[in-house]
């Protein structure tokens, strides 16, 4: 991620020099009608909210998915990201880039202009804002891709679930960033699990153990709020912390293997272990145990620490064998291994999504994306509070991580501040924090 050298509070989209665009067509010349979604030769206007690495990657994959895609609008809280990523995408896809200077938007509310300009909206910014941006796009009749996590608290996922129901009623596409659902070897492994190839599932182990997220260097002119936006994965009020942000991938695979059955309850633990990860207020380790009605237990772990053992795995244990979905392998009585190439799942999901829009039968991932996200959220709440959390309580809760989305402005004080040594207080204290 490029170092942000500017601030939307100081630089407007009209005064910032965004660089030259090699746009294939001006936004004003693109068709506005919904018929673009069904006719193979029509253009589909795509807008991007969040110009970090994942958002820019999704935009490039959307353009590769369908030659009729035109990227027409981009938004971020930092003007430098819009400029840098627009130039990079222009170099990669000059015939499909149609983002002129007037459609480069900067600020917390910039997503609204992107929604207005687009037929399909790609949302990949700080997860705190995903639910409201998703609602805004769907209420405007636009198809949406929403990167994970789809919310960071119970109130947010309830809002997202209502938006997904609206999408069903209006035949609008909703694509989830939980890309394992589109990865060929994982799809085949889960199909075989459902067919009984490992017998009955008895336990699942999920691991997402790695080094910390990288830091975006703070330039002298940046405010504290801008620094936190630039390092969103280090602040719980923006990302929801690592169970929700990262382990959600593992929890989605486990929930899929279990036939979309949610857990009855969970208990978790977590904390921050040392000085190596003090930029931010998030925990650097979590473990959550989920209990299911059939007696299965899911043991899920994530960690972001230096100089430690790393593993990214899903291990599903059955009465007749063990499945390793990420490797496309089953051991035991009915051993099997996936053969052939595995296409990039990020590309595969965009390709299937735009093909479904063209066919007039848009994909709808709303049910599993909200279910799996709530599984992650209840685990995070348990780690923060130190309490057992039931599925029923998580579903009924209206708790939200402060501040409220509508109170997030470029004039506000961030909800956490560093001390005189630059150290942020930990975001929660298990046993004392109340969140449900």
Protein backbone atom coordinates (compact mmCIF):
# COMPACT_ATOMS: atom_id res chain seq x y z
CA UNK A 1 0.00 0.00 0.00
CA UNK A 2 1.49 3.36 -0.98
CA UNK A 3 2.29 5.82 1.78
CA UNK A 4 -0.61 8.31 1.95
CA UNK A 5 0.86 11.77 1.60
CA UNK A 6 -2.39 13.67 1.63
CA UNK A 7 -5.65 13.98 3.46
CA UNK A 8 -9.24 14.30 2.25
CA UNK A 9 -9.64 16.94 4.94
CA UNK A 10 -7.06 19.06 3.15
CA UNK A 11 -7.30 18.10 -0.53
CA UNK A 12 -10.49 18.00 -2.56
CA UNK A 13 -11.00 15.68 -5.50
CA UNK A 14 -11.12 18.66 -7.86
CA UNK A 15 -7.88 20.31 -6.71
CA UNK A 16 -5.76 17.18 -6.37
CA UNK A 17 -3.83 16.27 -9.52
CA UNK A 18 -4.78 12.65 -10.12
CA UNK A 19 -2.56 12.00 -13.11
CA UNK A 20 -3.37 11.33 -16.74
CA UNK A 21 -6.09 8.83 -17.61
CA UNK A 22 -6.04 6.66 -20.71
CA UNK A 23 -9.76 6.07 -20.52
CA UNK A 24 -11.40 4.10 -23.27
CA UNK A 25 -14.62 6.10 -22.94
CA UNK A 26 -15.91 9.00 -20.91
CA UNK A 27 -18.30 8.09 -18.12
CA UNK A 28 -21.05 10.21 -19.62
CA UNK A 29 -21.10 8.13 -22.80
CA UNK A 30 -21.72 4.81 -21.07
CA UNK A 31 -25.21 3.28 -21.08
CA UNK A 32 -27.24 3.75 -17.91
CA UNK A 33 -29.98 1.20 -18.55
CA UNK A 34 -30.26 -2.07 -16.64
CA UNK A 35 -30.22 -3.83 -20.03
CA UNK A 36 -26.43 -3.71 -19.76
CA UNK A 37 -26.73 -6.62 -17.35
CA UNK A 38 -28.31 -8.96 -19.88
CA UNK A 39 -27.03 -8.06 -23.33
CA UNK A 40 -23.64 -9.50 -24.16
CA UNK A 41 -22.38 -6.53 -26.18
CA UNK A 42 -23.41 -3.79 -23.75
CA UNK A 43 -21.10 -2.14 -21.28
CA UNK A 44 -21.32 -2.75 -17.53
CA UNK A 45 -20.27 0.22 -15.45
CA UNK A 46 -18.24 -0.80 -12.39
CA UNK A 47 -17.32 1.42 -9.45
CA UNK A 48 -14.65 0.75 -6.83
CA UNK A 49 -14.91 1.75 -3.17
CA UNK A 50 -11.54 1.24 -1.48
CA UNK A 51 -8.35 1.52 -3.53
CA UNK A 52 -6.08 -0.68 -1.45
CA UNK A 53 -4.53 -3.87 -2.77
CA UNK A 54 -7.64 -6.05 -2.48
CA UNK A 55 -9.97 -3.48 -4.00
CA UNK A 56 -7.64 -2.79 -6.90
CA UNK A 57 -7.21 -6.51 -7.42
CA UNK A 58 -10.98 -7.01 -7.54
CA UNK A 59 -11.31 -4.20 -10.10
CA UNK A 60 -8.66 -5.77 -12.34
CA UNK A 61 -10.32 -9.19 -11.99
CA UNK A 62 -13.71 -7.71 -12.89
CA UNK A 63 -12.23 -6.26 -16.07
CA UNK A 64 -10.64 -9.60 -16.95
CA UNK A 65 -13.95 -11.35 -16.23
CA UNK A 66 -15.93 -9.53 -18.92
CA UNK A 67 -14.67 -7.48 -21.89
CA UNK A 68 -17.72 -5.25 -21.56
CA UNK A 69 -16.76 -4.09 -18.07
CA UNK A 70 -15.72 -0.46 -17.75
CA UNK A 71 -14.34 0.86 -14.50
CA UNK A 72 -16.01 4.27 -14.27
CA UNK A 73 -15.50 5.52 -10.70
CA UNK A 74 -13.06 5.12 -7.82
CA UNK A 75 -13.20 6.23 -4.19
CA UNK A 76 -10.97 6.10 -1.14
CA UNK A 77 -10.30 8.14 1.97
CA UNK A 78 -6.85 9.00 0.56
CA UNK A 79 -6.49 10.83 -2.73
CA UNK A 80 -3.01 9.38 -3.25
CA UNK A 81 -4.43 5.85 -3.35
CA UNK A 82 -7.00 6.81 -5.96
CA UNK A 83 -4.32 8.43 -8.11
CA UNK A 84 -1.77 5.64 -7.77
CA UNK A 85 -4.19 2.80 -8.37
CA UNK A 86 -5.94 4.55 -11.24
CA UNK A 87 -2.63 4.93 -13.02
CA UNK A 88 -1.74 1.29 -12.39
CA UNK A 89 -5.09 0.04 -13.70
CA UNK A 90 -4.83 2.33 -16.72
CA UNK A 91 -1.52 0.67 -17.58
CA UNK A 92 -2.99 -2.83 -17.21
CA UNK A 93 -6.40 -2.34 -18.83
CA UNK A 94 -6.31 0.83 -20.96
CA UNK A 95 -9.30 -0.18 -23.09
CA UNK A 96 -11.54 -0.79 -20.08
CA UNK A 97 -10.61 2.14 -17.87
CA UNK A 98 -13.11 4.99 -18.04
CA UNK A 99 -12.35 6.87 -14.82
CA UNK A 100 -12.01 10.57 -15.54
CA UNK A 101 -10.95 13.18 -12.99
CA UNK A 102 -14.53 14.03 -12.07
CA UNK A 103 -15.16 10.42 -11.05
CA UNK A 104 -12.26 10.12 -8.62
CA UNK A 105 -13.86 10.62 -5.22
CA UNK A 106 -12.21 11.16 -1.84
CA UNK A 107 -13.64 11.01 1.67
CA UNK A 108 -15.70 8.97 4.10
CA UNK A 109 -18.90 9.53 2.09
CA UNK A 110 -17.28 9.17 -1.34
CA UNK A 111 -18.92 5.77 -1.85
CA UNK A 112 -22.24 7.51 -2.50
CA UNK A 113 -20.97 9.07 -5.72
CA UNK A 114 -19.53 5.72 -6.82
CA UNK A 115 -22.91 4.05 -6.29
CA UNK A 116 -24.61 6.73 -8.34
CA UNK A 117 -22.20 6.29 -11.26
CA UNK A 118 -22.17 2.47 -11.43
CA UNK A 119 -24.14 -0.66 -12.29
CA UNK A 120 -21.91 -2.89 -10.14
CA UNK A 121 -20.17 -1.66 -6.99
CA UNK A 122 -17.02 -3.32 -5.63
CA UNK A 123 -16.64 -2.67 -1.87
CA UNK A 124 -13.23 -3.35 -0.36
CA UNK A 125 -12.40 -0.68 2.19
CA UNK A 126 -12.44 -0.70 6.03
CA UNK A 127 -14.92 -3.39 7.09
CA UNK A 128 -16.72 -1.11 9.54
CA UNK A 129 -18.37 0.59 6.56
CA UNK A 130 -19.28 -2.50 4.54
CA UNK A 131 -22.88 -2.86 5.78
CA UNK A 132 -23.97 0.75 5.14
CA UNK A 133 -22.25 0.83 1.75
CA UNK A 134 -23.86 -2.46 0.80
CA UNK A 135 -27.29 -1.18 1.84
CA UNK A 136 -26.80 2.05 -0.12
CA UNK A 137 -25.81 0.20 -3.30
CA UNK A 138 -28.61 -2.38 -3.15
CA UNK A 139 -31.26 0.20 -2.33
CA UNK A 140 -30.09 2.06 -5.43
CA UNK A 141 -30.63 -1.11 -7.51
CA UNK A 142 -26.93 -1.94 -8.02
CA UNK A 143 -25.21 -5.32 -7.92
CA UNK A 144 -22.46 -5.53 -5.27
CA UNK A 145 -19.27 -7.36 -4.47
CA UNK A 146 -18.42 -7.06 -0.77
CA UNK A 147 -15.02 -8.08 0.55
CA UNK A 148 -14.84 -9.93 3.84
CA UNK A 149 -15.63 -9.39 6.62
CA UNK A 150 -19.11 -8.22 5.74
CA UNK A 151 -19.54 -6.60 9.16
CA UNK A 152 -17.58 -6.37 12.40
CA UNK A 153 -20.37 -6.53 14.98
CA UNK A 154 -23.90 -7.98 15.44
CA UNK A 155 -25.64 -4.73 14.51
CA UNK A 156 -23.69 -4.53 11.27
CA UNK A 157 -24.37 -8.10 10.18
CA UNK A 158 -28.09 -7.68 10.88
CA UNK A 159 -28.01 -4.65 8.59
CA UNK A 160 -26.15 -6.65 5.93
CA UNK A 161 -28.64 -9.53 6.21
CA UNK A 162 -31.56 -7.17 5.60
CA UNK A 163 -29.77 -5.81 2.55
CA UNK A 164 -29.27 -9.33 1.21
CA UNK A 165 -33.00 -10.03 1.55
CA UNK A 166 -33.67 -6.87 -0.44
CA UNK A 167 -31.28 -8.12 -3.11
CA UNK A 168 -33.24 -11.37 -3.42
CA UNK A 169 -36.48 -9.46 -3.88
CA UNK A 170 -35.01 -7.23 -6.57
CA UNK A 171 -32.96 -9.95 -8.33
CA UNK A 172 -29.70 -8.14 -7.60
CA UNK A 173 -26.38 -9.92 -7.37
CA UNK A 174 -24.44 -10.12 -4.11
CA UNK A 175 -20.93 -11.58 -4.31
CA UNK A 176 -18.94 -12.35 -1.16
CA UNK A 177 -15.20 -11.99 -0.75
CA UNK A 178 -15.14 -15.41 0.95
CA UNK A 179 -13.40 -16.76 -2.11
CA UNK A 180 -12.92 -20.35 -0.88
CA UNK A 181 -16.40 -21.03 -2.25
CA UNK A 182 -14.97 -20.51 -5.75
CA UNK A 183 -11.70 -22.42 -5.36
CA UNK A 184 -11.86 -25.61 -7.43
CA UNK A 185 -9.97 -27.99 -5.11
CA UNK A 186 -11.88 -26.77 -2.04
CA UNK A 187 -15.22 -27.09 -3.82
CA UNK A 188 -14.46 -30.68 -4.78
CA UNK A 189 -13.22 -31.58 -1.30
CA UNK A 190 -16.34 -30.19 0.37
CA UNK A 191 -18.55 -32.00 -2.14
CA UNK A 192 -16.85 -35.25 -1.20
CA UNK A 193 -17.26 -34.51 2.51
CA UNK A 194 -20.98 -33.99 1.94
CA UNK A 195 -21.09 -37.27 0.00
CA UNK A 196 -19.71 -39.09 3.06
CA UNK A 197 -16.16 -39.78 1.87
CA UNK A 198 -14.71 -39.15 5.36
CA UNK A 199 -17.74 -40.55 7.20
CA UNK A 200 -19.28 -38.41 9.91
CA UNK A 201 -17.41 -35.26 10.90
CA UNK A 202 -16.22 -35.52 14.50
CA UNK A 203 -13.98 -32.44 14.88
CA UNK A 204 -12.46 -29.58 12.87
CA UNK A 205 -9.20 -27.68 13.38
CA UNK A 206 -8.73 -24.28 11.73
CA UNK A 207 -5.47 -22.29 11.75
CA UNK A 208 -4.53 -18.85 10.47
CA UNK A 209 -1.12 -18.31 12.07
CA UNK A 210 1.15 -15.69 10.52
CA UNK A 211 3.25 -12.57 11.03
CA UNK A 212 1.58 -9.19 11.67
CA UNK A 213 0.12 -7.04 8.94
CA UNK A 214 2.61 -4.55 7.56
CA UNK A 215 2.56 -0.97 8.73
CA UNK A 216 2.01 2.04 6.51
CA UNK A 217 4.66 4.54 7.54
CA UNK A 218 3.24 7.66 9.11
CA UNK A 219 4.33 10.83 7.37
CA UNK A 220 4.84 13.94 9.55
CA UNK A 221 1.78 15.77 8.25
CA UNK A 222 -0.65 12.91 8.90
CA UNK A 223 -3.16 13.28 11.71
CA UNK A 224 -3.77 10.48 14.20
CA UNK A 225 -7.09 9.66 12.51
CA UNK A 226 -5.43 9.44 9.09
CA UNK A 227 -2.75 7.19 10.54
CA UNK A 228 -5.42 4.81 11.84
CA UNK A 229 -7.24 4.73 8.51
CA UNK A 230 -3.94 4.03 6.77
CA UNK A 231 -3.34 1.10 9.14
CA UNK A 232 -6.92 -0.12 9.42
CA UNK A 233 -6.05 -3.74 10.23
CA UNK A 234 -4.38 -2.63 13.46
CA UNK A 235 -7.47 -0.93 14.92
CA UNK A 236 -10.50 -2.86 16.12
CA UNK A 237 -13.00 -0.07 15.45
CA UNK A 238 -12.15 -0.30 11.73
CA UNK A 239 -11.43 -4.00 11.15
CA UNK A 240 -13.15 -5.85 14.01
CA UNK A 241 -9.88 -7.66 14.90
CA UNK A 242 -8.44 -10.85 13.51
CA UNK A 243 -11.12 -13.48 14.15
CA UNK A 244 -13.53 -11.37 12.13
CA UNK A 245 -10.98 -10.03 9.69
CA UNK A 246 -8.95 -13.14 8.86
CA UNK A 247 -10.16 -16.30 10.57
CA UNK A 248 -13.55 -15.74 8.93
CA UNK A 249 -12.15 -17.54 5.86
CA UNK A 250 -11.47 -20.65 7.93
CA UNK A 251 -14.80 -20.42 9.72
CA UNK A 252 -16.59 -20.14 6.39
CA UNK A 253 -14.94 -23.32 5.12
CA UNK A 254 -15.86 -25.15 8.32
CA UNK A 255 -19.45 -23.92 8.22
CA UNK A 256 -19.70 -24.99 4.58
CA UNK A 257 -18.38 -28.47 5.40
CA UNK A 258 -20.92 -28.73 8.23
CA UNK A 259 -23.79 -28.13 5.84
CA UNK A 260 -24.25 -24.44 6.80
CA UNK A 261 -25.17 -25.41 10.36
CA UNK A 262 -24.35 -22.65 12.86
CA UNK A 263 -22.84 -23.47 16.26
CA UNK A 264 -24.86 -23.55 19.46
CA UNK A 265 -22.28 -21.58 21.42
CA UNK A 266 -18.60 -20.75 21.64
CA UNK A 267 -15.94 -19.74 24.14
CA UNK A 268 -12.76 -17.94 23.23
CA UNK A 269 -9.59 -16.44 24.61
CA UNK A 270 -7.14 -13.91 23.32
CA UNK A 271 -4.92 -10.97 24.09
CA UNK A 272 -1.84 -9.01 23.15
CA UNK A 273 1.40 -10.68 24.09
CA UNK A 274 4.20 -8.19 23.68
CA UNK A 275 5.78 -5.00 22.37
CA UNK A 276 6.27 -6.24 18.82
CA UNK A 277 2.74 -5.34 17.72
CA UNK A 278 2.01 -2.07 19.48
CA UNK A 279 0.91 -0.06 16.45
CA UNK A 280 -2.79 -0.37 17.10
CA UNK A 281 -5.09 -1.76 19.77
CA UNK A 282 -5.95 -5.23 18.42
CA UNK A 283 -5.11 -8.59 19.96
CA UNK A 284 -2.26 -10.60 18.44
CA UNK A 285 -3.63 -14.06 19.28
CA UNK A 286 -7.07 -15.66 19.51
CA UNK A 287 -8.47 -19.15 20.03
CA UNK A 288 -12.15 -20.04 19.81
CA UNK A 289 -13.93 -23.36 20.45
CA UNK A 290 -17.34 -23.72 18.78
CA UNK A 291 -19.87 -26.33 20.00
CA UNK A 292 -22.43 -27.91 17.63
CA UNK A 293 -25.67 -29.72 18.35
CA UNK A 294 -24.35 -33.04 16.97
CA UNK A 295 -21.37 -33.00 19.36
CA UNK A 296 -18.81 -31.70 16.86
CA UNK A 297 -16.33 -29.18 18.14
CA UNK A 298 -14.52 -26.68 15.95
CA UNK A 299 -11.16 -25.49 17.27
CA UNK A 300 -10.14 -22.24 15.58
CA UNK A 301 -6.90 -20.30 16.07
CA UNK A 302 -5.36 -17.14 14.64
CA UNK A 303 -2.17 -15.32 15.54
CA UNK A 304 -0.20 -12.34 14.19
CA UNK A 305 3.25 -12.50 15.80
CA UNK A 306 6.85 -12.37 14.63
CA UNK A 307 9.33 -15.26 14.81
CA UNK A 308 6.66 -17.88 15.47
CA UNK A 309 5.44 -21.04 13.77
CA UNK A 310 3.01 -20.24 10.92
CA UNK A 311 0.24 -22.38 9.44
CA UNK A 312 -2.79 -21.67 7.27
CA UNK A 313 -4.95 -24.79 7.22
CA UNK A 314 -8.38 -26.38 7.47
CA UNK A 315 -8.40 -29.93 8.84
CA UNK A 316 -11.73 -31.77 8.92
CA UNK A 317 -11.66 -35.05 10.82
CA UNK A 318 -14.21 -37.78 10.20
CA UNK A 319 -14.93 -41.33 11.27
CA UNK A 320 -13.41 -42.73 8.04
CA UNK A 321 -10.76 -40.18 7.11
CA UNK A 322 -9.41 -36.64 7.25
CA UNK A 323 -10.05 -33.91 4.68
CA UNK A 324 -7.61 -31.11 3.90
CA UNK A 325 -9.72 -28.78 1.73
CA UNK A 326 -7.02 -26.19 1.04
CA UNK A 327 -4.75 -28.92 -0.30
CA UNK A 328 -7.57 -30.73 -2.07
CA UNK A 329 -6.77 -33.98 -0.32
CA UNK A 330 -8.48 -36.72 1.69
CA UNK A 331 -6.64 -39.40 3.66
CA UNK A 332 -8.06 -42.52 5.25
CA UNK A 333 -10.33 -45.28 3.95
CA UNK A 334 -11.23 -43.41 0.75
CA UNK A 335 -8.07 -41.48 -0.07
CA UNK A 336 -8.25 -38.91 -2.84
CA UNK A 337 -6.27 -35.94 -4.17
CA UNK A 338 -7.39 -33.19 -6.50
CA UNK A 339 -5.70 -33.23 -9.91
CA UNK A 340 -5.15 -30.42 -12.34
CA UNK A 341 -4.62 -26.70 -12.07
CA UNK A 342 -6.49 -24.56 -9.54
CA UNK A 343 -7.49 -21.22 -11.07
CA UNK A 344 -7.14 -18.10 -8.95
CA UNK A 345 -10.30 -18.10 -6.77
CA UNK A 346 -10.43 -14.29 -6.69
CA UNK A 347 -10.61 -14.31 -10.47
CA UNK A 348 -13.00 -17.26 -10.54
CA UNK A 349 -15.53 -15.50 -8.32
CA UNK A 350 -15.54 -12.36 -10.46
CA UNK A 351 -15.81 -14.41 -13.65
CA UNK A 352 -18.82 -16.34 -12.34
CA UNK A 353 -20.38 -13.17 -10.95
CA UNK A 354 -20.31 -11.19 -14.18
CA UNK A 355 -21.41 -14.20 -16.22
CA UNK A 356 -24.42 -14.53 -13.92
CA UNK A 357 -25.27 -10.85 -14.35
CA UNK A 358 -25.08 -11.21 -18.13
CA UNK A 359 -27.41 -14.19 -17.94
CA UNK A 360 -29.96 -12.27 -15.89
CA UNK A 361 -29.55 -14.76 -13.03
CA UNK A 362 -27.16 -12.96 -10.69
CA UNK A 363 -25.33 -14.88 -7.98
CA UNK A 364 -26.62 -14.41 -4.47
CA UNK A 365 -24.11 -15.25 -1.74
CA UNK A 366 -26.00 -13.41 0.99
CA UNK A 367 -27.05 -16.40 3.10
CA UNK A 368 -23.63 -17.95 3.64
CA UNK A 369 -21.75 -14.65 3.79
CA UNK A 370 -23.88 -13.33 6.65
CA UNK A 371 -23.96 -16.68 8.46
CA UNK A 372 -20.19 -17.21 8.34
CA UNK A 373 -19.51 -13.61 9.31
CA UNK A 374 -21.73 -13.94 12.39
CA UNK A 375 -19.87 -17.14 13.35
CA UNK A 376 -16.68 -15.05 13.30
CA UNK A 377 -18.25 -12.13 15.13
CA UNK A 378 -19.52 -14.29 18.01
CA UNK A 379 -16.02 -15.76 18.36
CA UNK A 380 -14.46 -12.31 18.48
CA UNK A 381 -16.99 -11.12 21.06
CA UNK A 382 -16.17 -14.15 23.22
CA UNK A 383 -12.43 -13.48 23.02
CA UNK A 384 -12.97 -9.84 24.00
CA UNK A 385 -15.41 -10.48 26.85
CA UNK A 386 -14.07 -13.80 28.12
CA UNK A 387 -17.67 -15.04 28.21
CA UNK A 388 -19.45 -17.90 26.48
CA UNK A 389 -21.54 -16.56 23.61
CA UNK A 390 -24.55 -18.41 22.22
CA UNK A 391 -25.69 -18.24 18.62
CA UNK A 392 -29.11 -17.04 19.74
CA UNK A 393 -27.59 -14.20 21.74
CA UNK A 394 -25.36 -13.16 18.85
CA UNK A 395 -28.30 -13.18 16.42
CA UNK A 396 -30.47 -11.11 18.76
CA UNK A 397 -27.79 -8.62 19.77
CA UNK A 398 -27.72 -5.06 18.46
CA UNK A 399 -24.25 -4.35 19.85
CA UNK A 400 -21.94 -2.29 17.64
CA UNK A 401 -18.30 -1.34 18.03
CA UNK A 402 -18.15 2.41 18.63
CA UNK A 403 -18.16 4.95 17.14
CA UNK A 404 -21.36 4.63 15.13
CA UNK A 405 -20.84 4.76 11.38
CA UNK A 406 -22.89 7.94 11.05
CA UNK A 407 -20.55 9.64 13.55
CA UNK A 408 -17.39 8.85 11.57
CA UNK A 409 -16.11 12.09 10.05
CA UNK A 410 -12.74 13.61 9.24
CA UNK A 411 -13.24 16.06 12.10
CA UNK A 412 -13.73 13.46 14.83
CA UNK A 413 -11.23 12.29 17.42
CA UNK A 414 -10.33 8.64 16.89
CA UNK A 415 -11.78 6.32 19.55
CA UNK A 416 -8.32 5.22 20.69
CA UNK A 417 -5.20 7.32 21.26
CA UNK A 418 -1.57 6.38 21.91
CA UNK A 419 0.18 7.31 25.14
CA UNK A 420 3.31 9.44 25.34
CA UNK A 421 5.39 6.45 24.20
CA UNK A 422 3.21 5.80 21.16
CA UNK A 423 1.61 2.70 22.71
CA UNK A 424 -2.15 2.17 22.27
CA UNK A 425 -4.24 0.67 25.07
CA UNK A 426 -5.47 -2.84 24.31
CA UNK A 427 -8.98 -2.75 22.85
CA UNK A 428 -10.61 -5.14 25.35
CA UNK A 429 -9.96 -6.79 28.71
CA UNK A 430 -11.45 -10.31 28.94
CA UNK A 431 -13.48 -10.71 32.11
CA UNK A 432 -14.27 -7.00 32.26
CA UNK A 433 -15.30 -5.96 28.73
CA UNK A 434 -19.05 -6.20 28.06
CA UNK A 435 -20.16 -6.44 24.45
CA UNK A 436 -23.36 -8.50 24.18
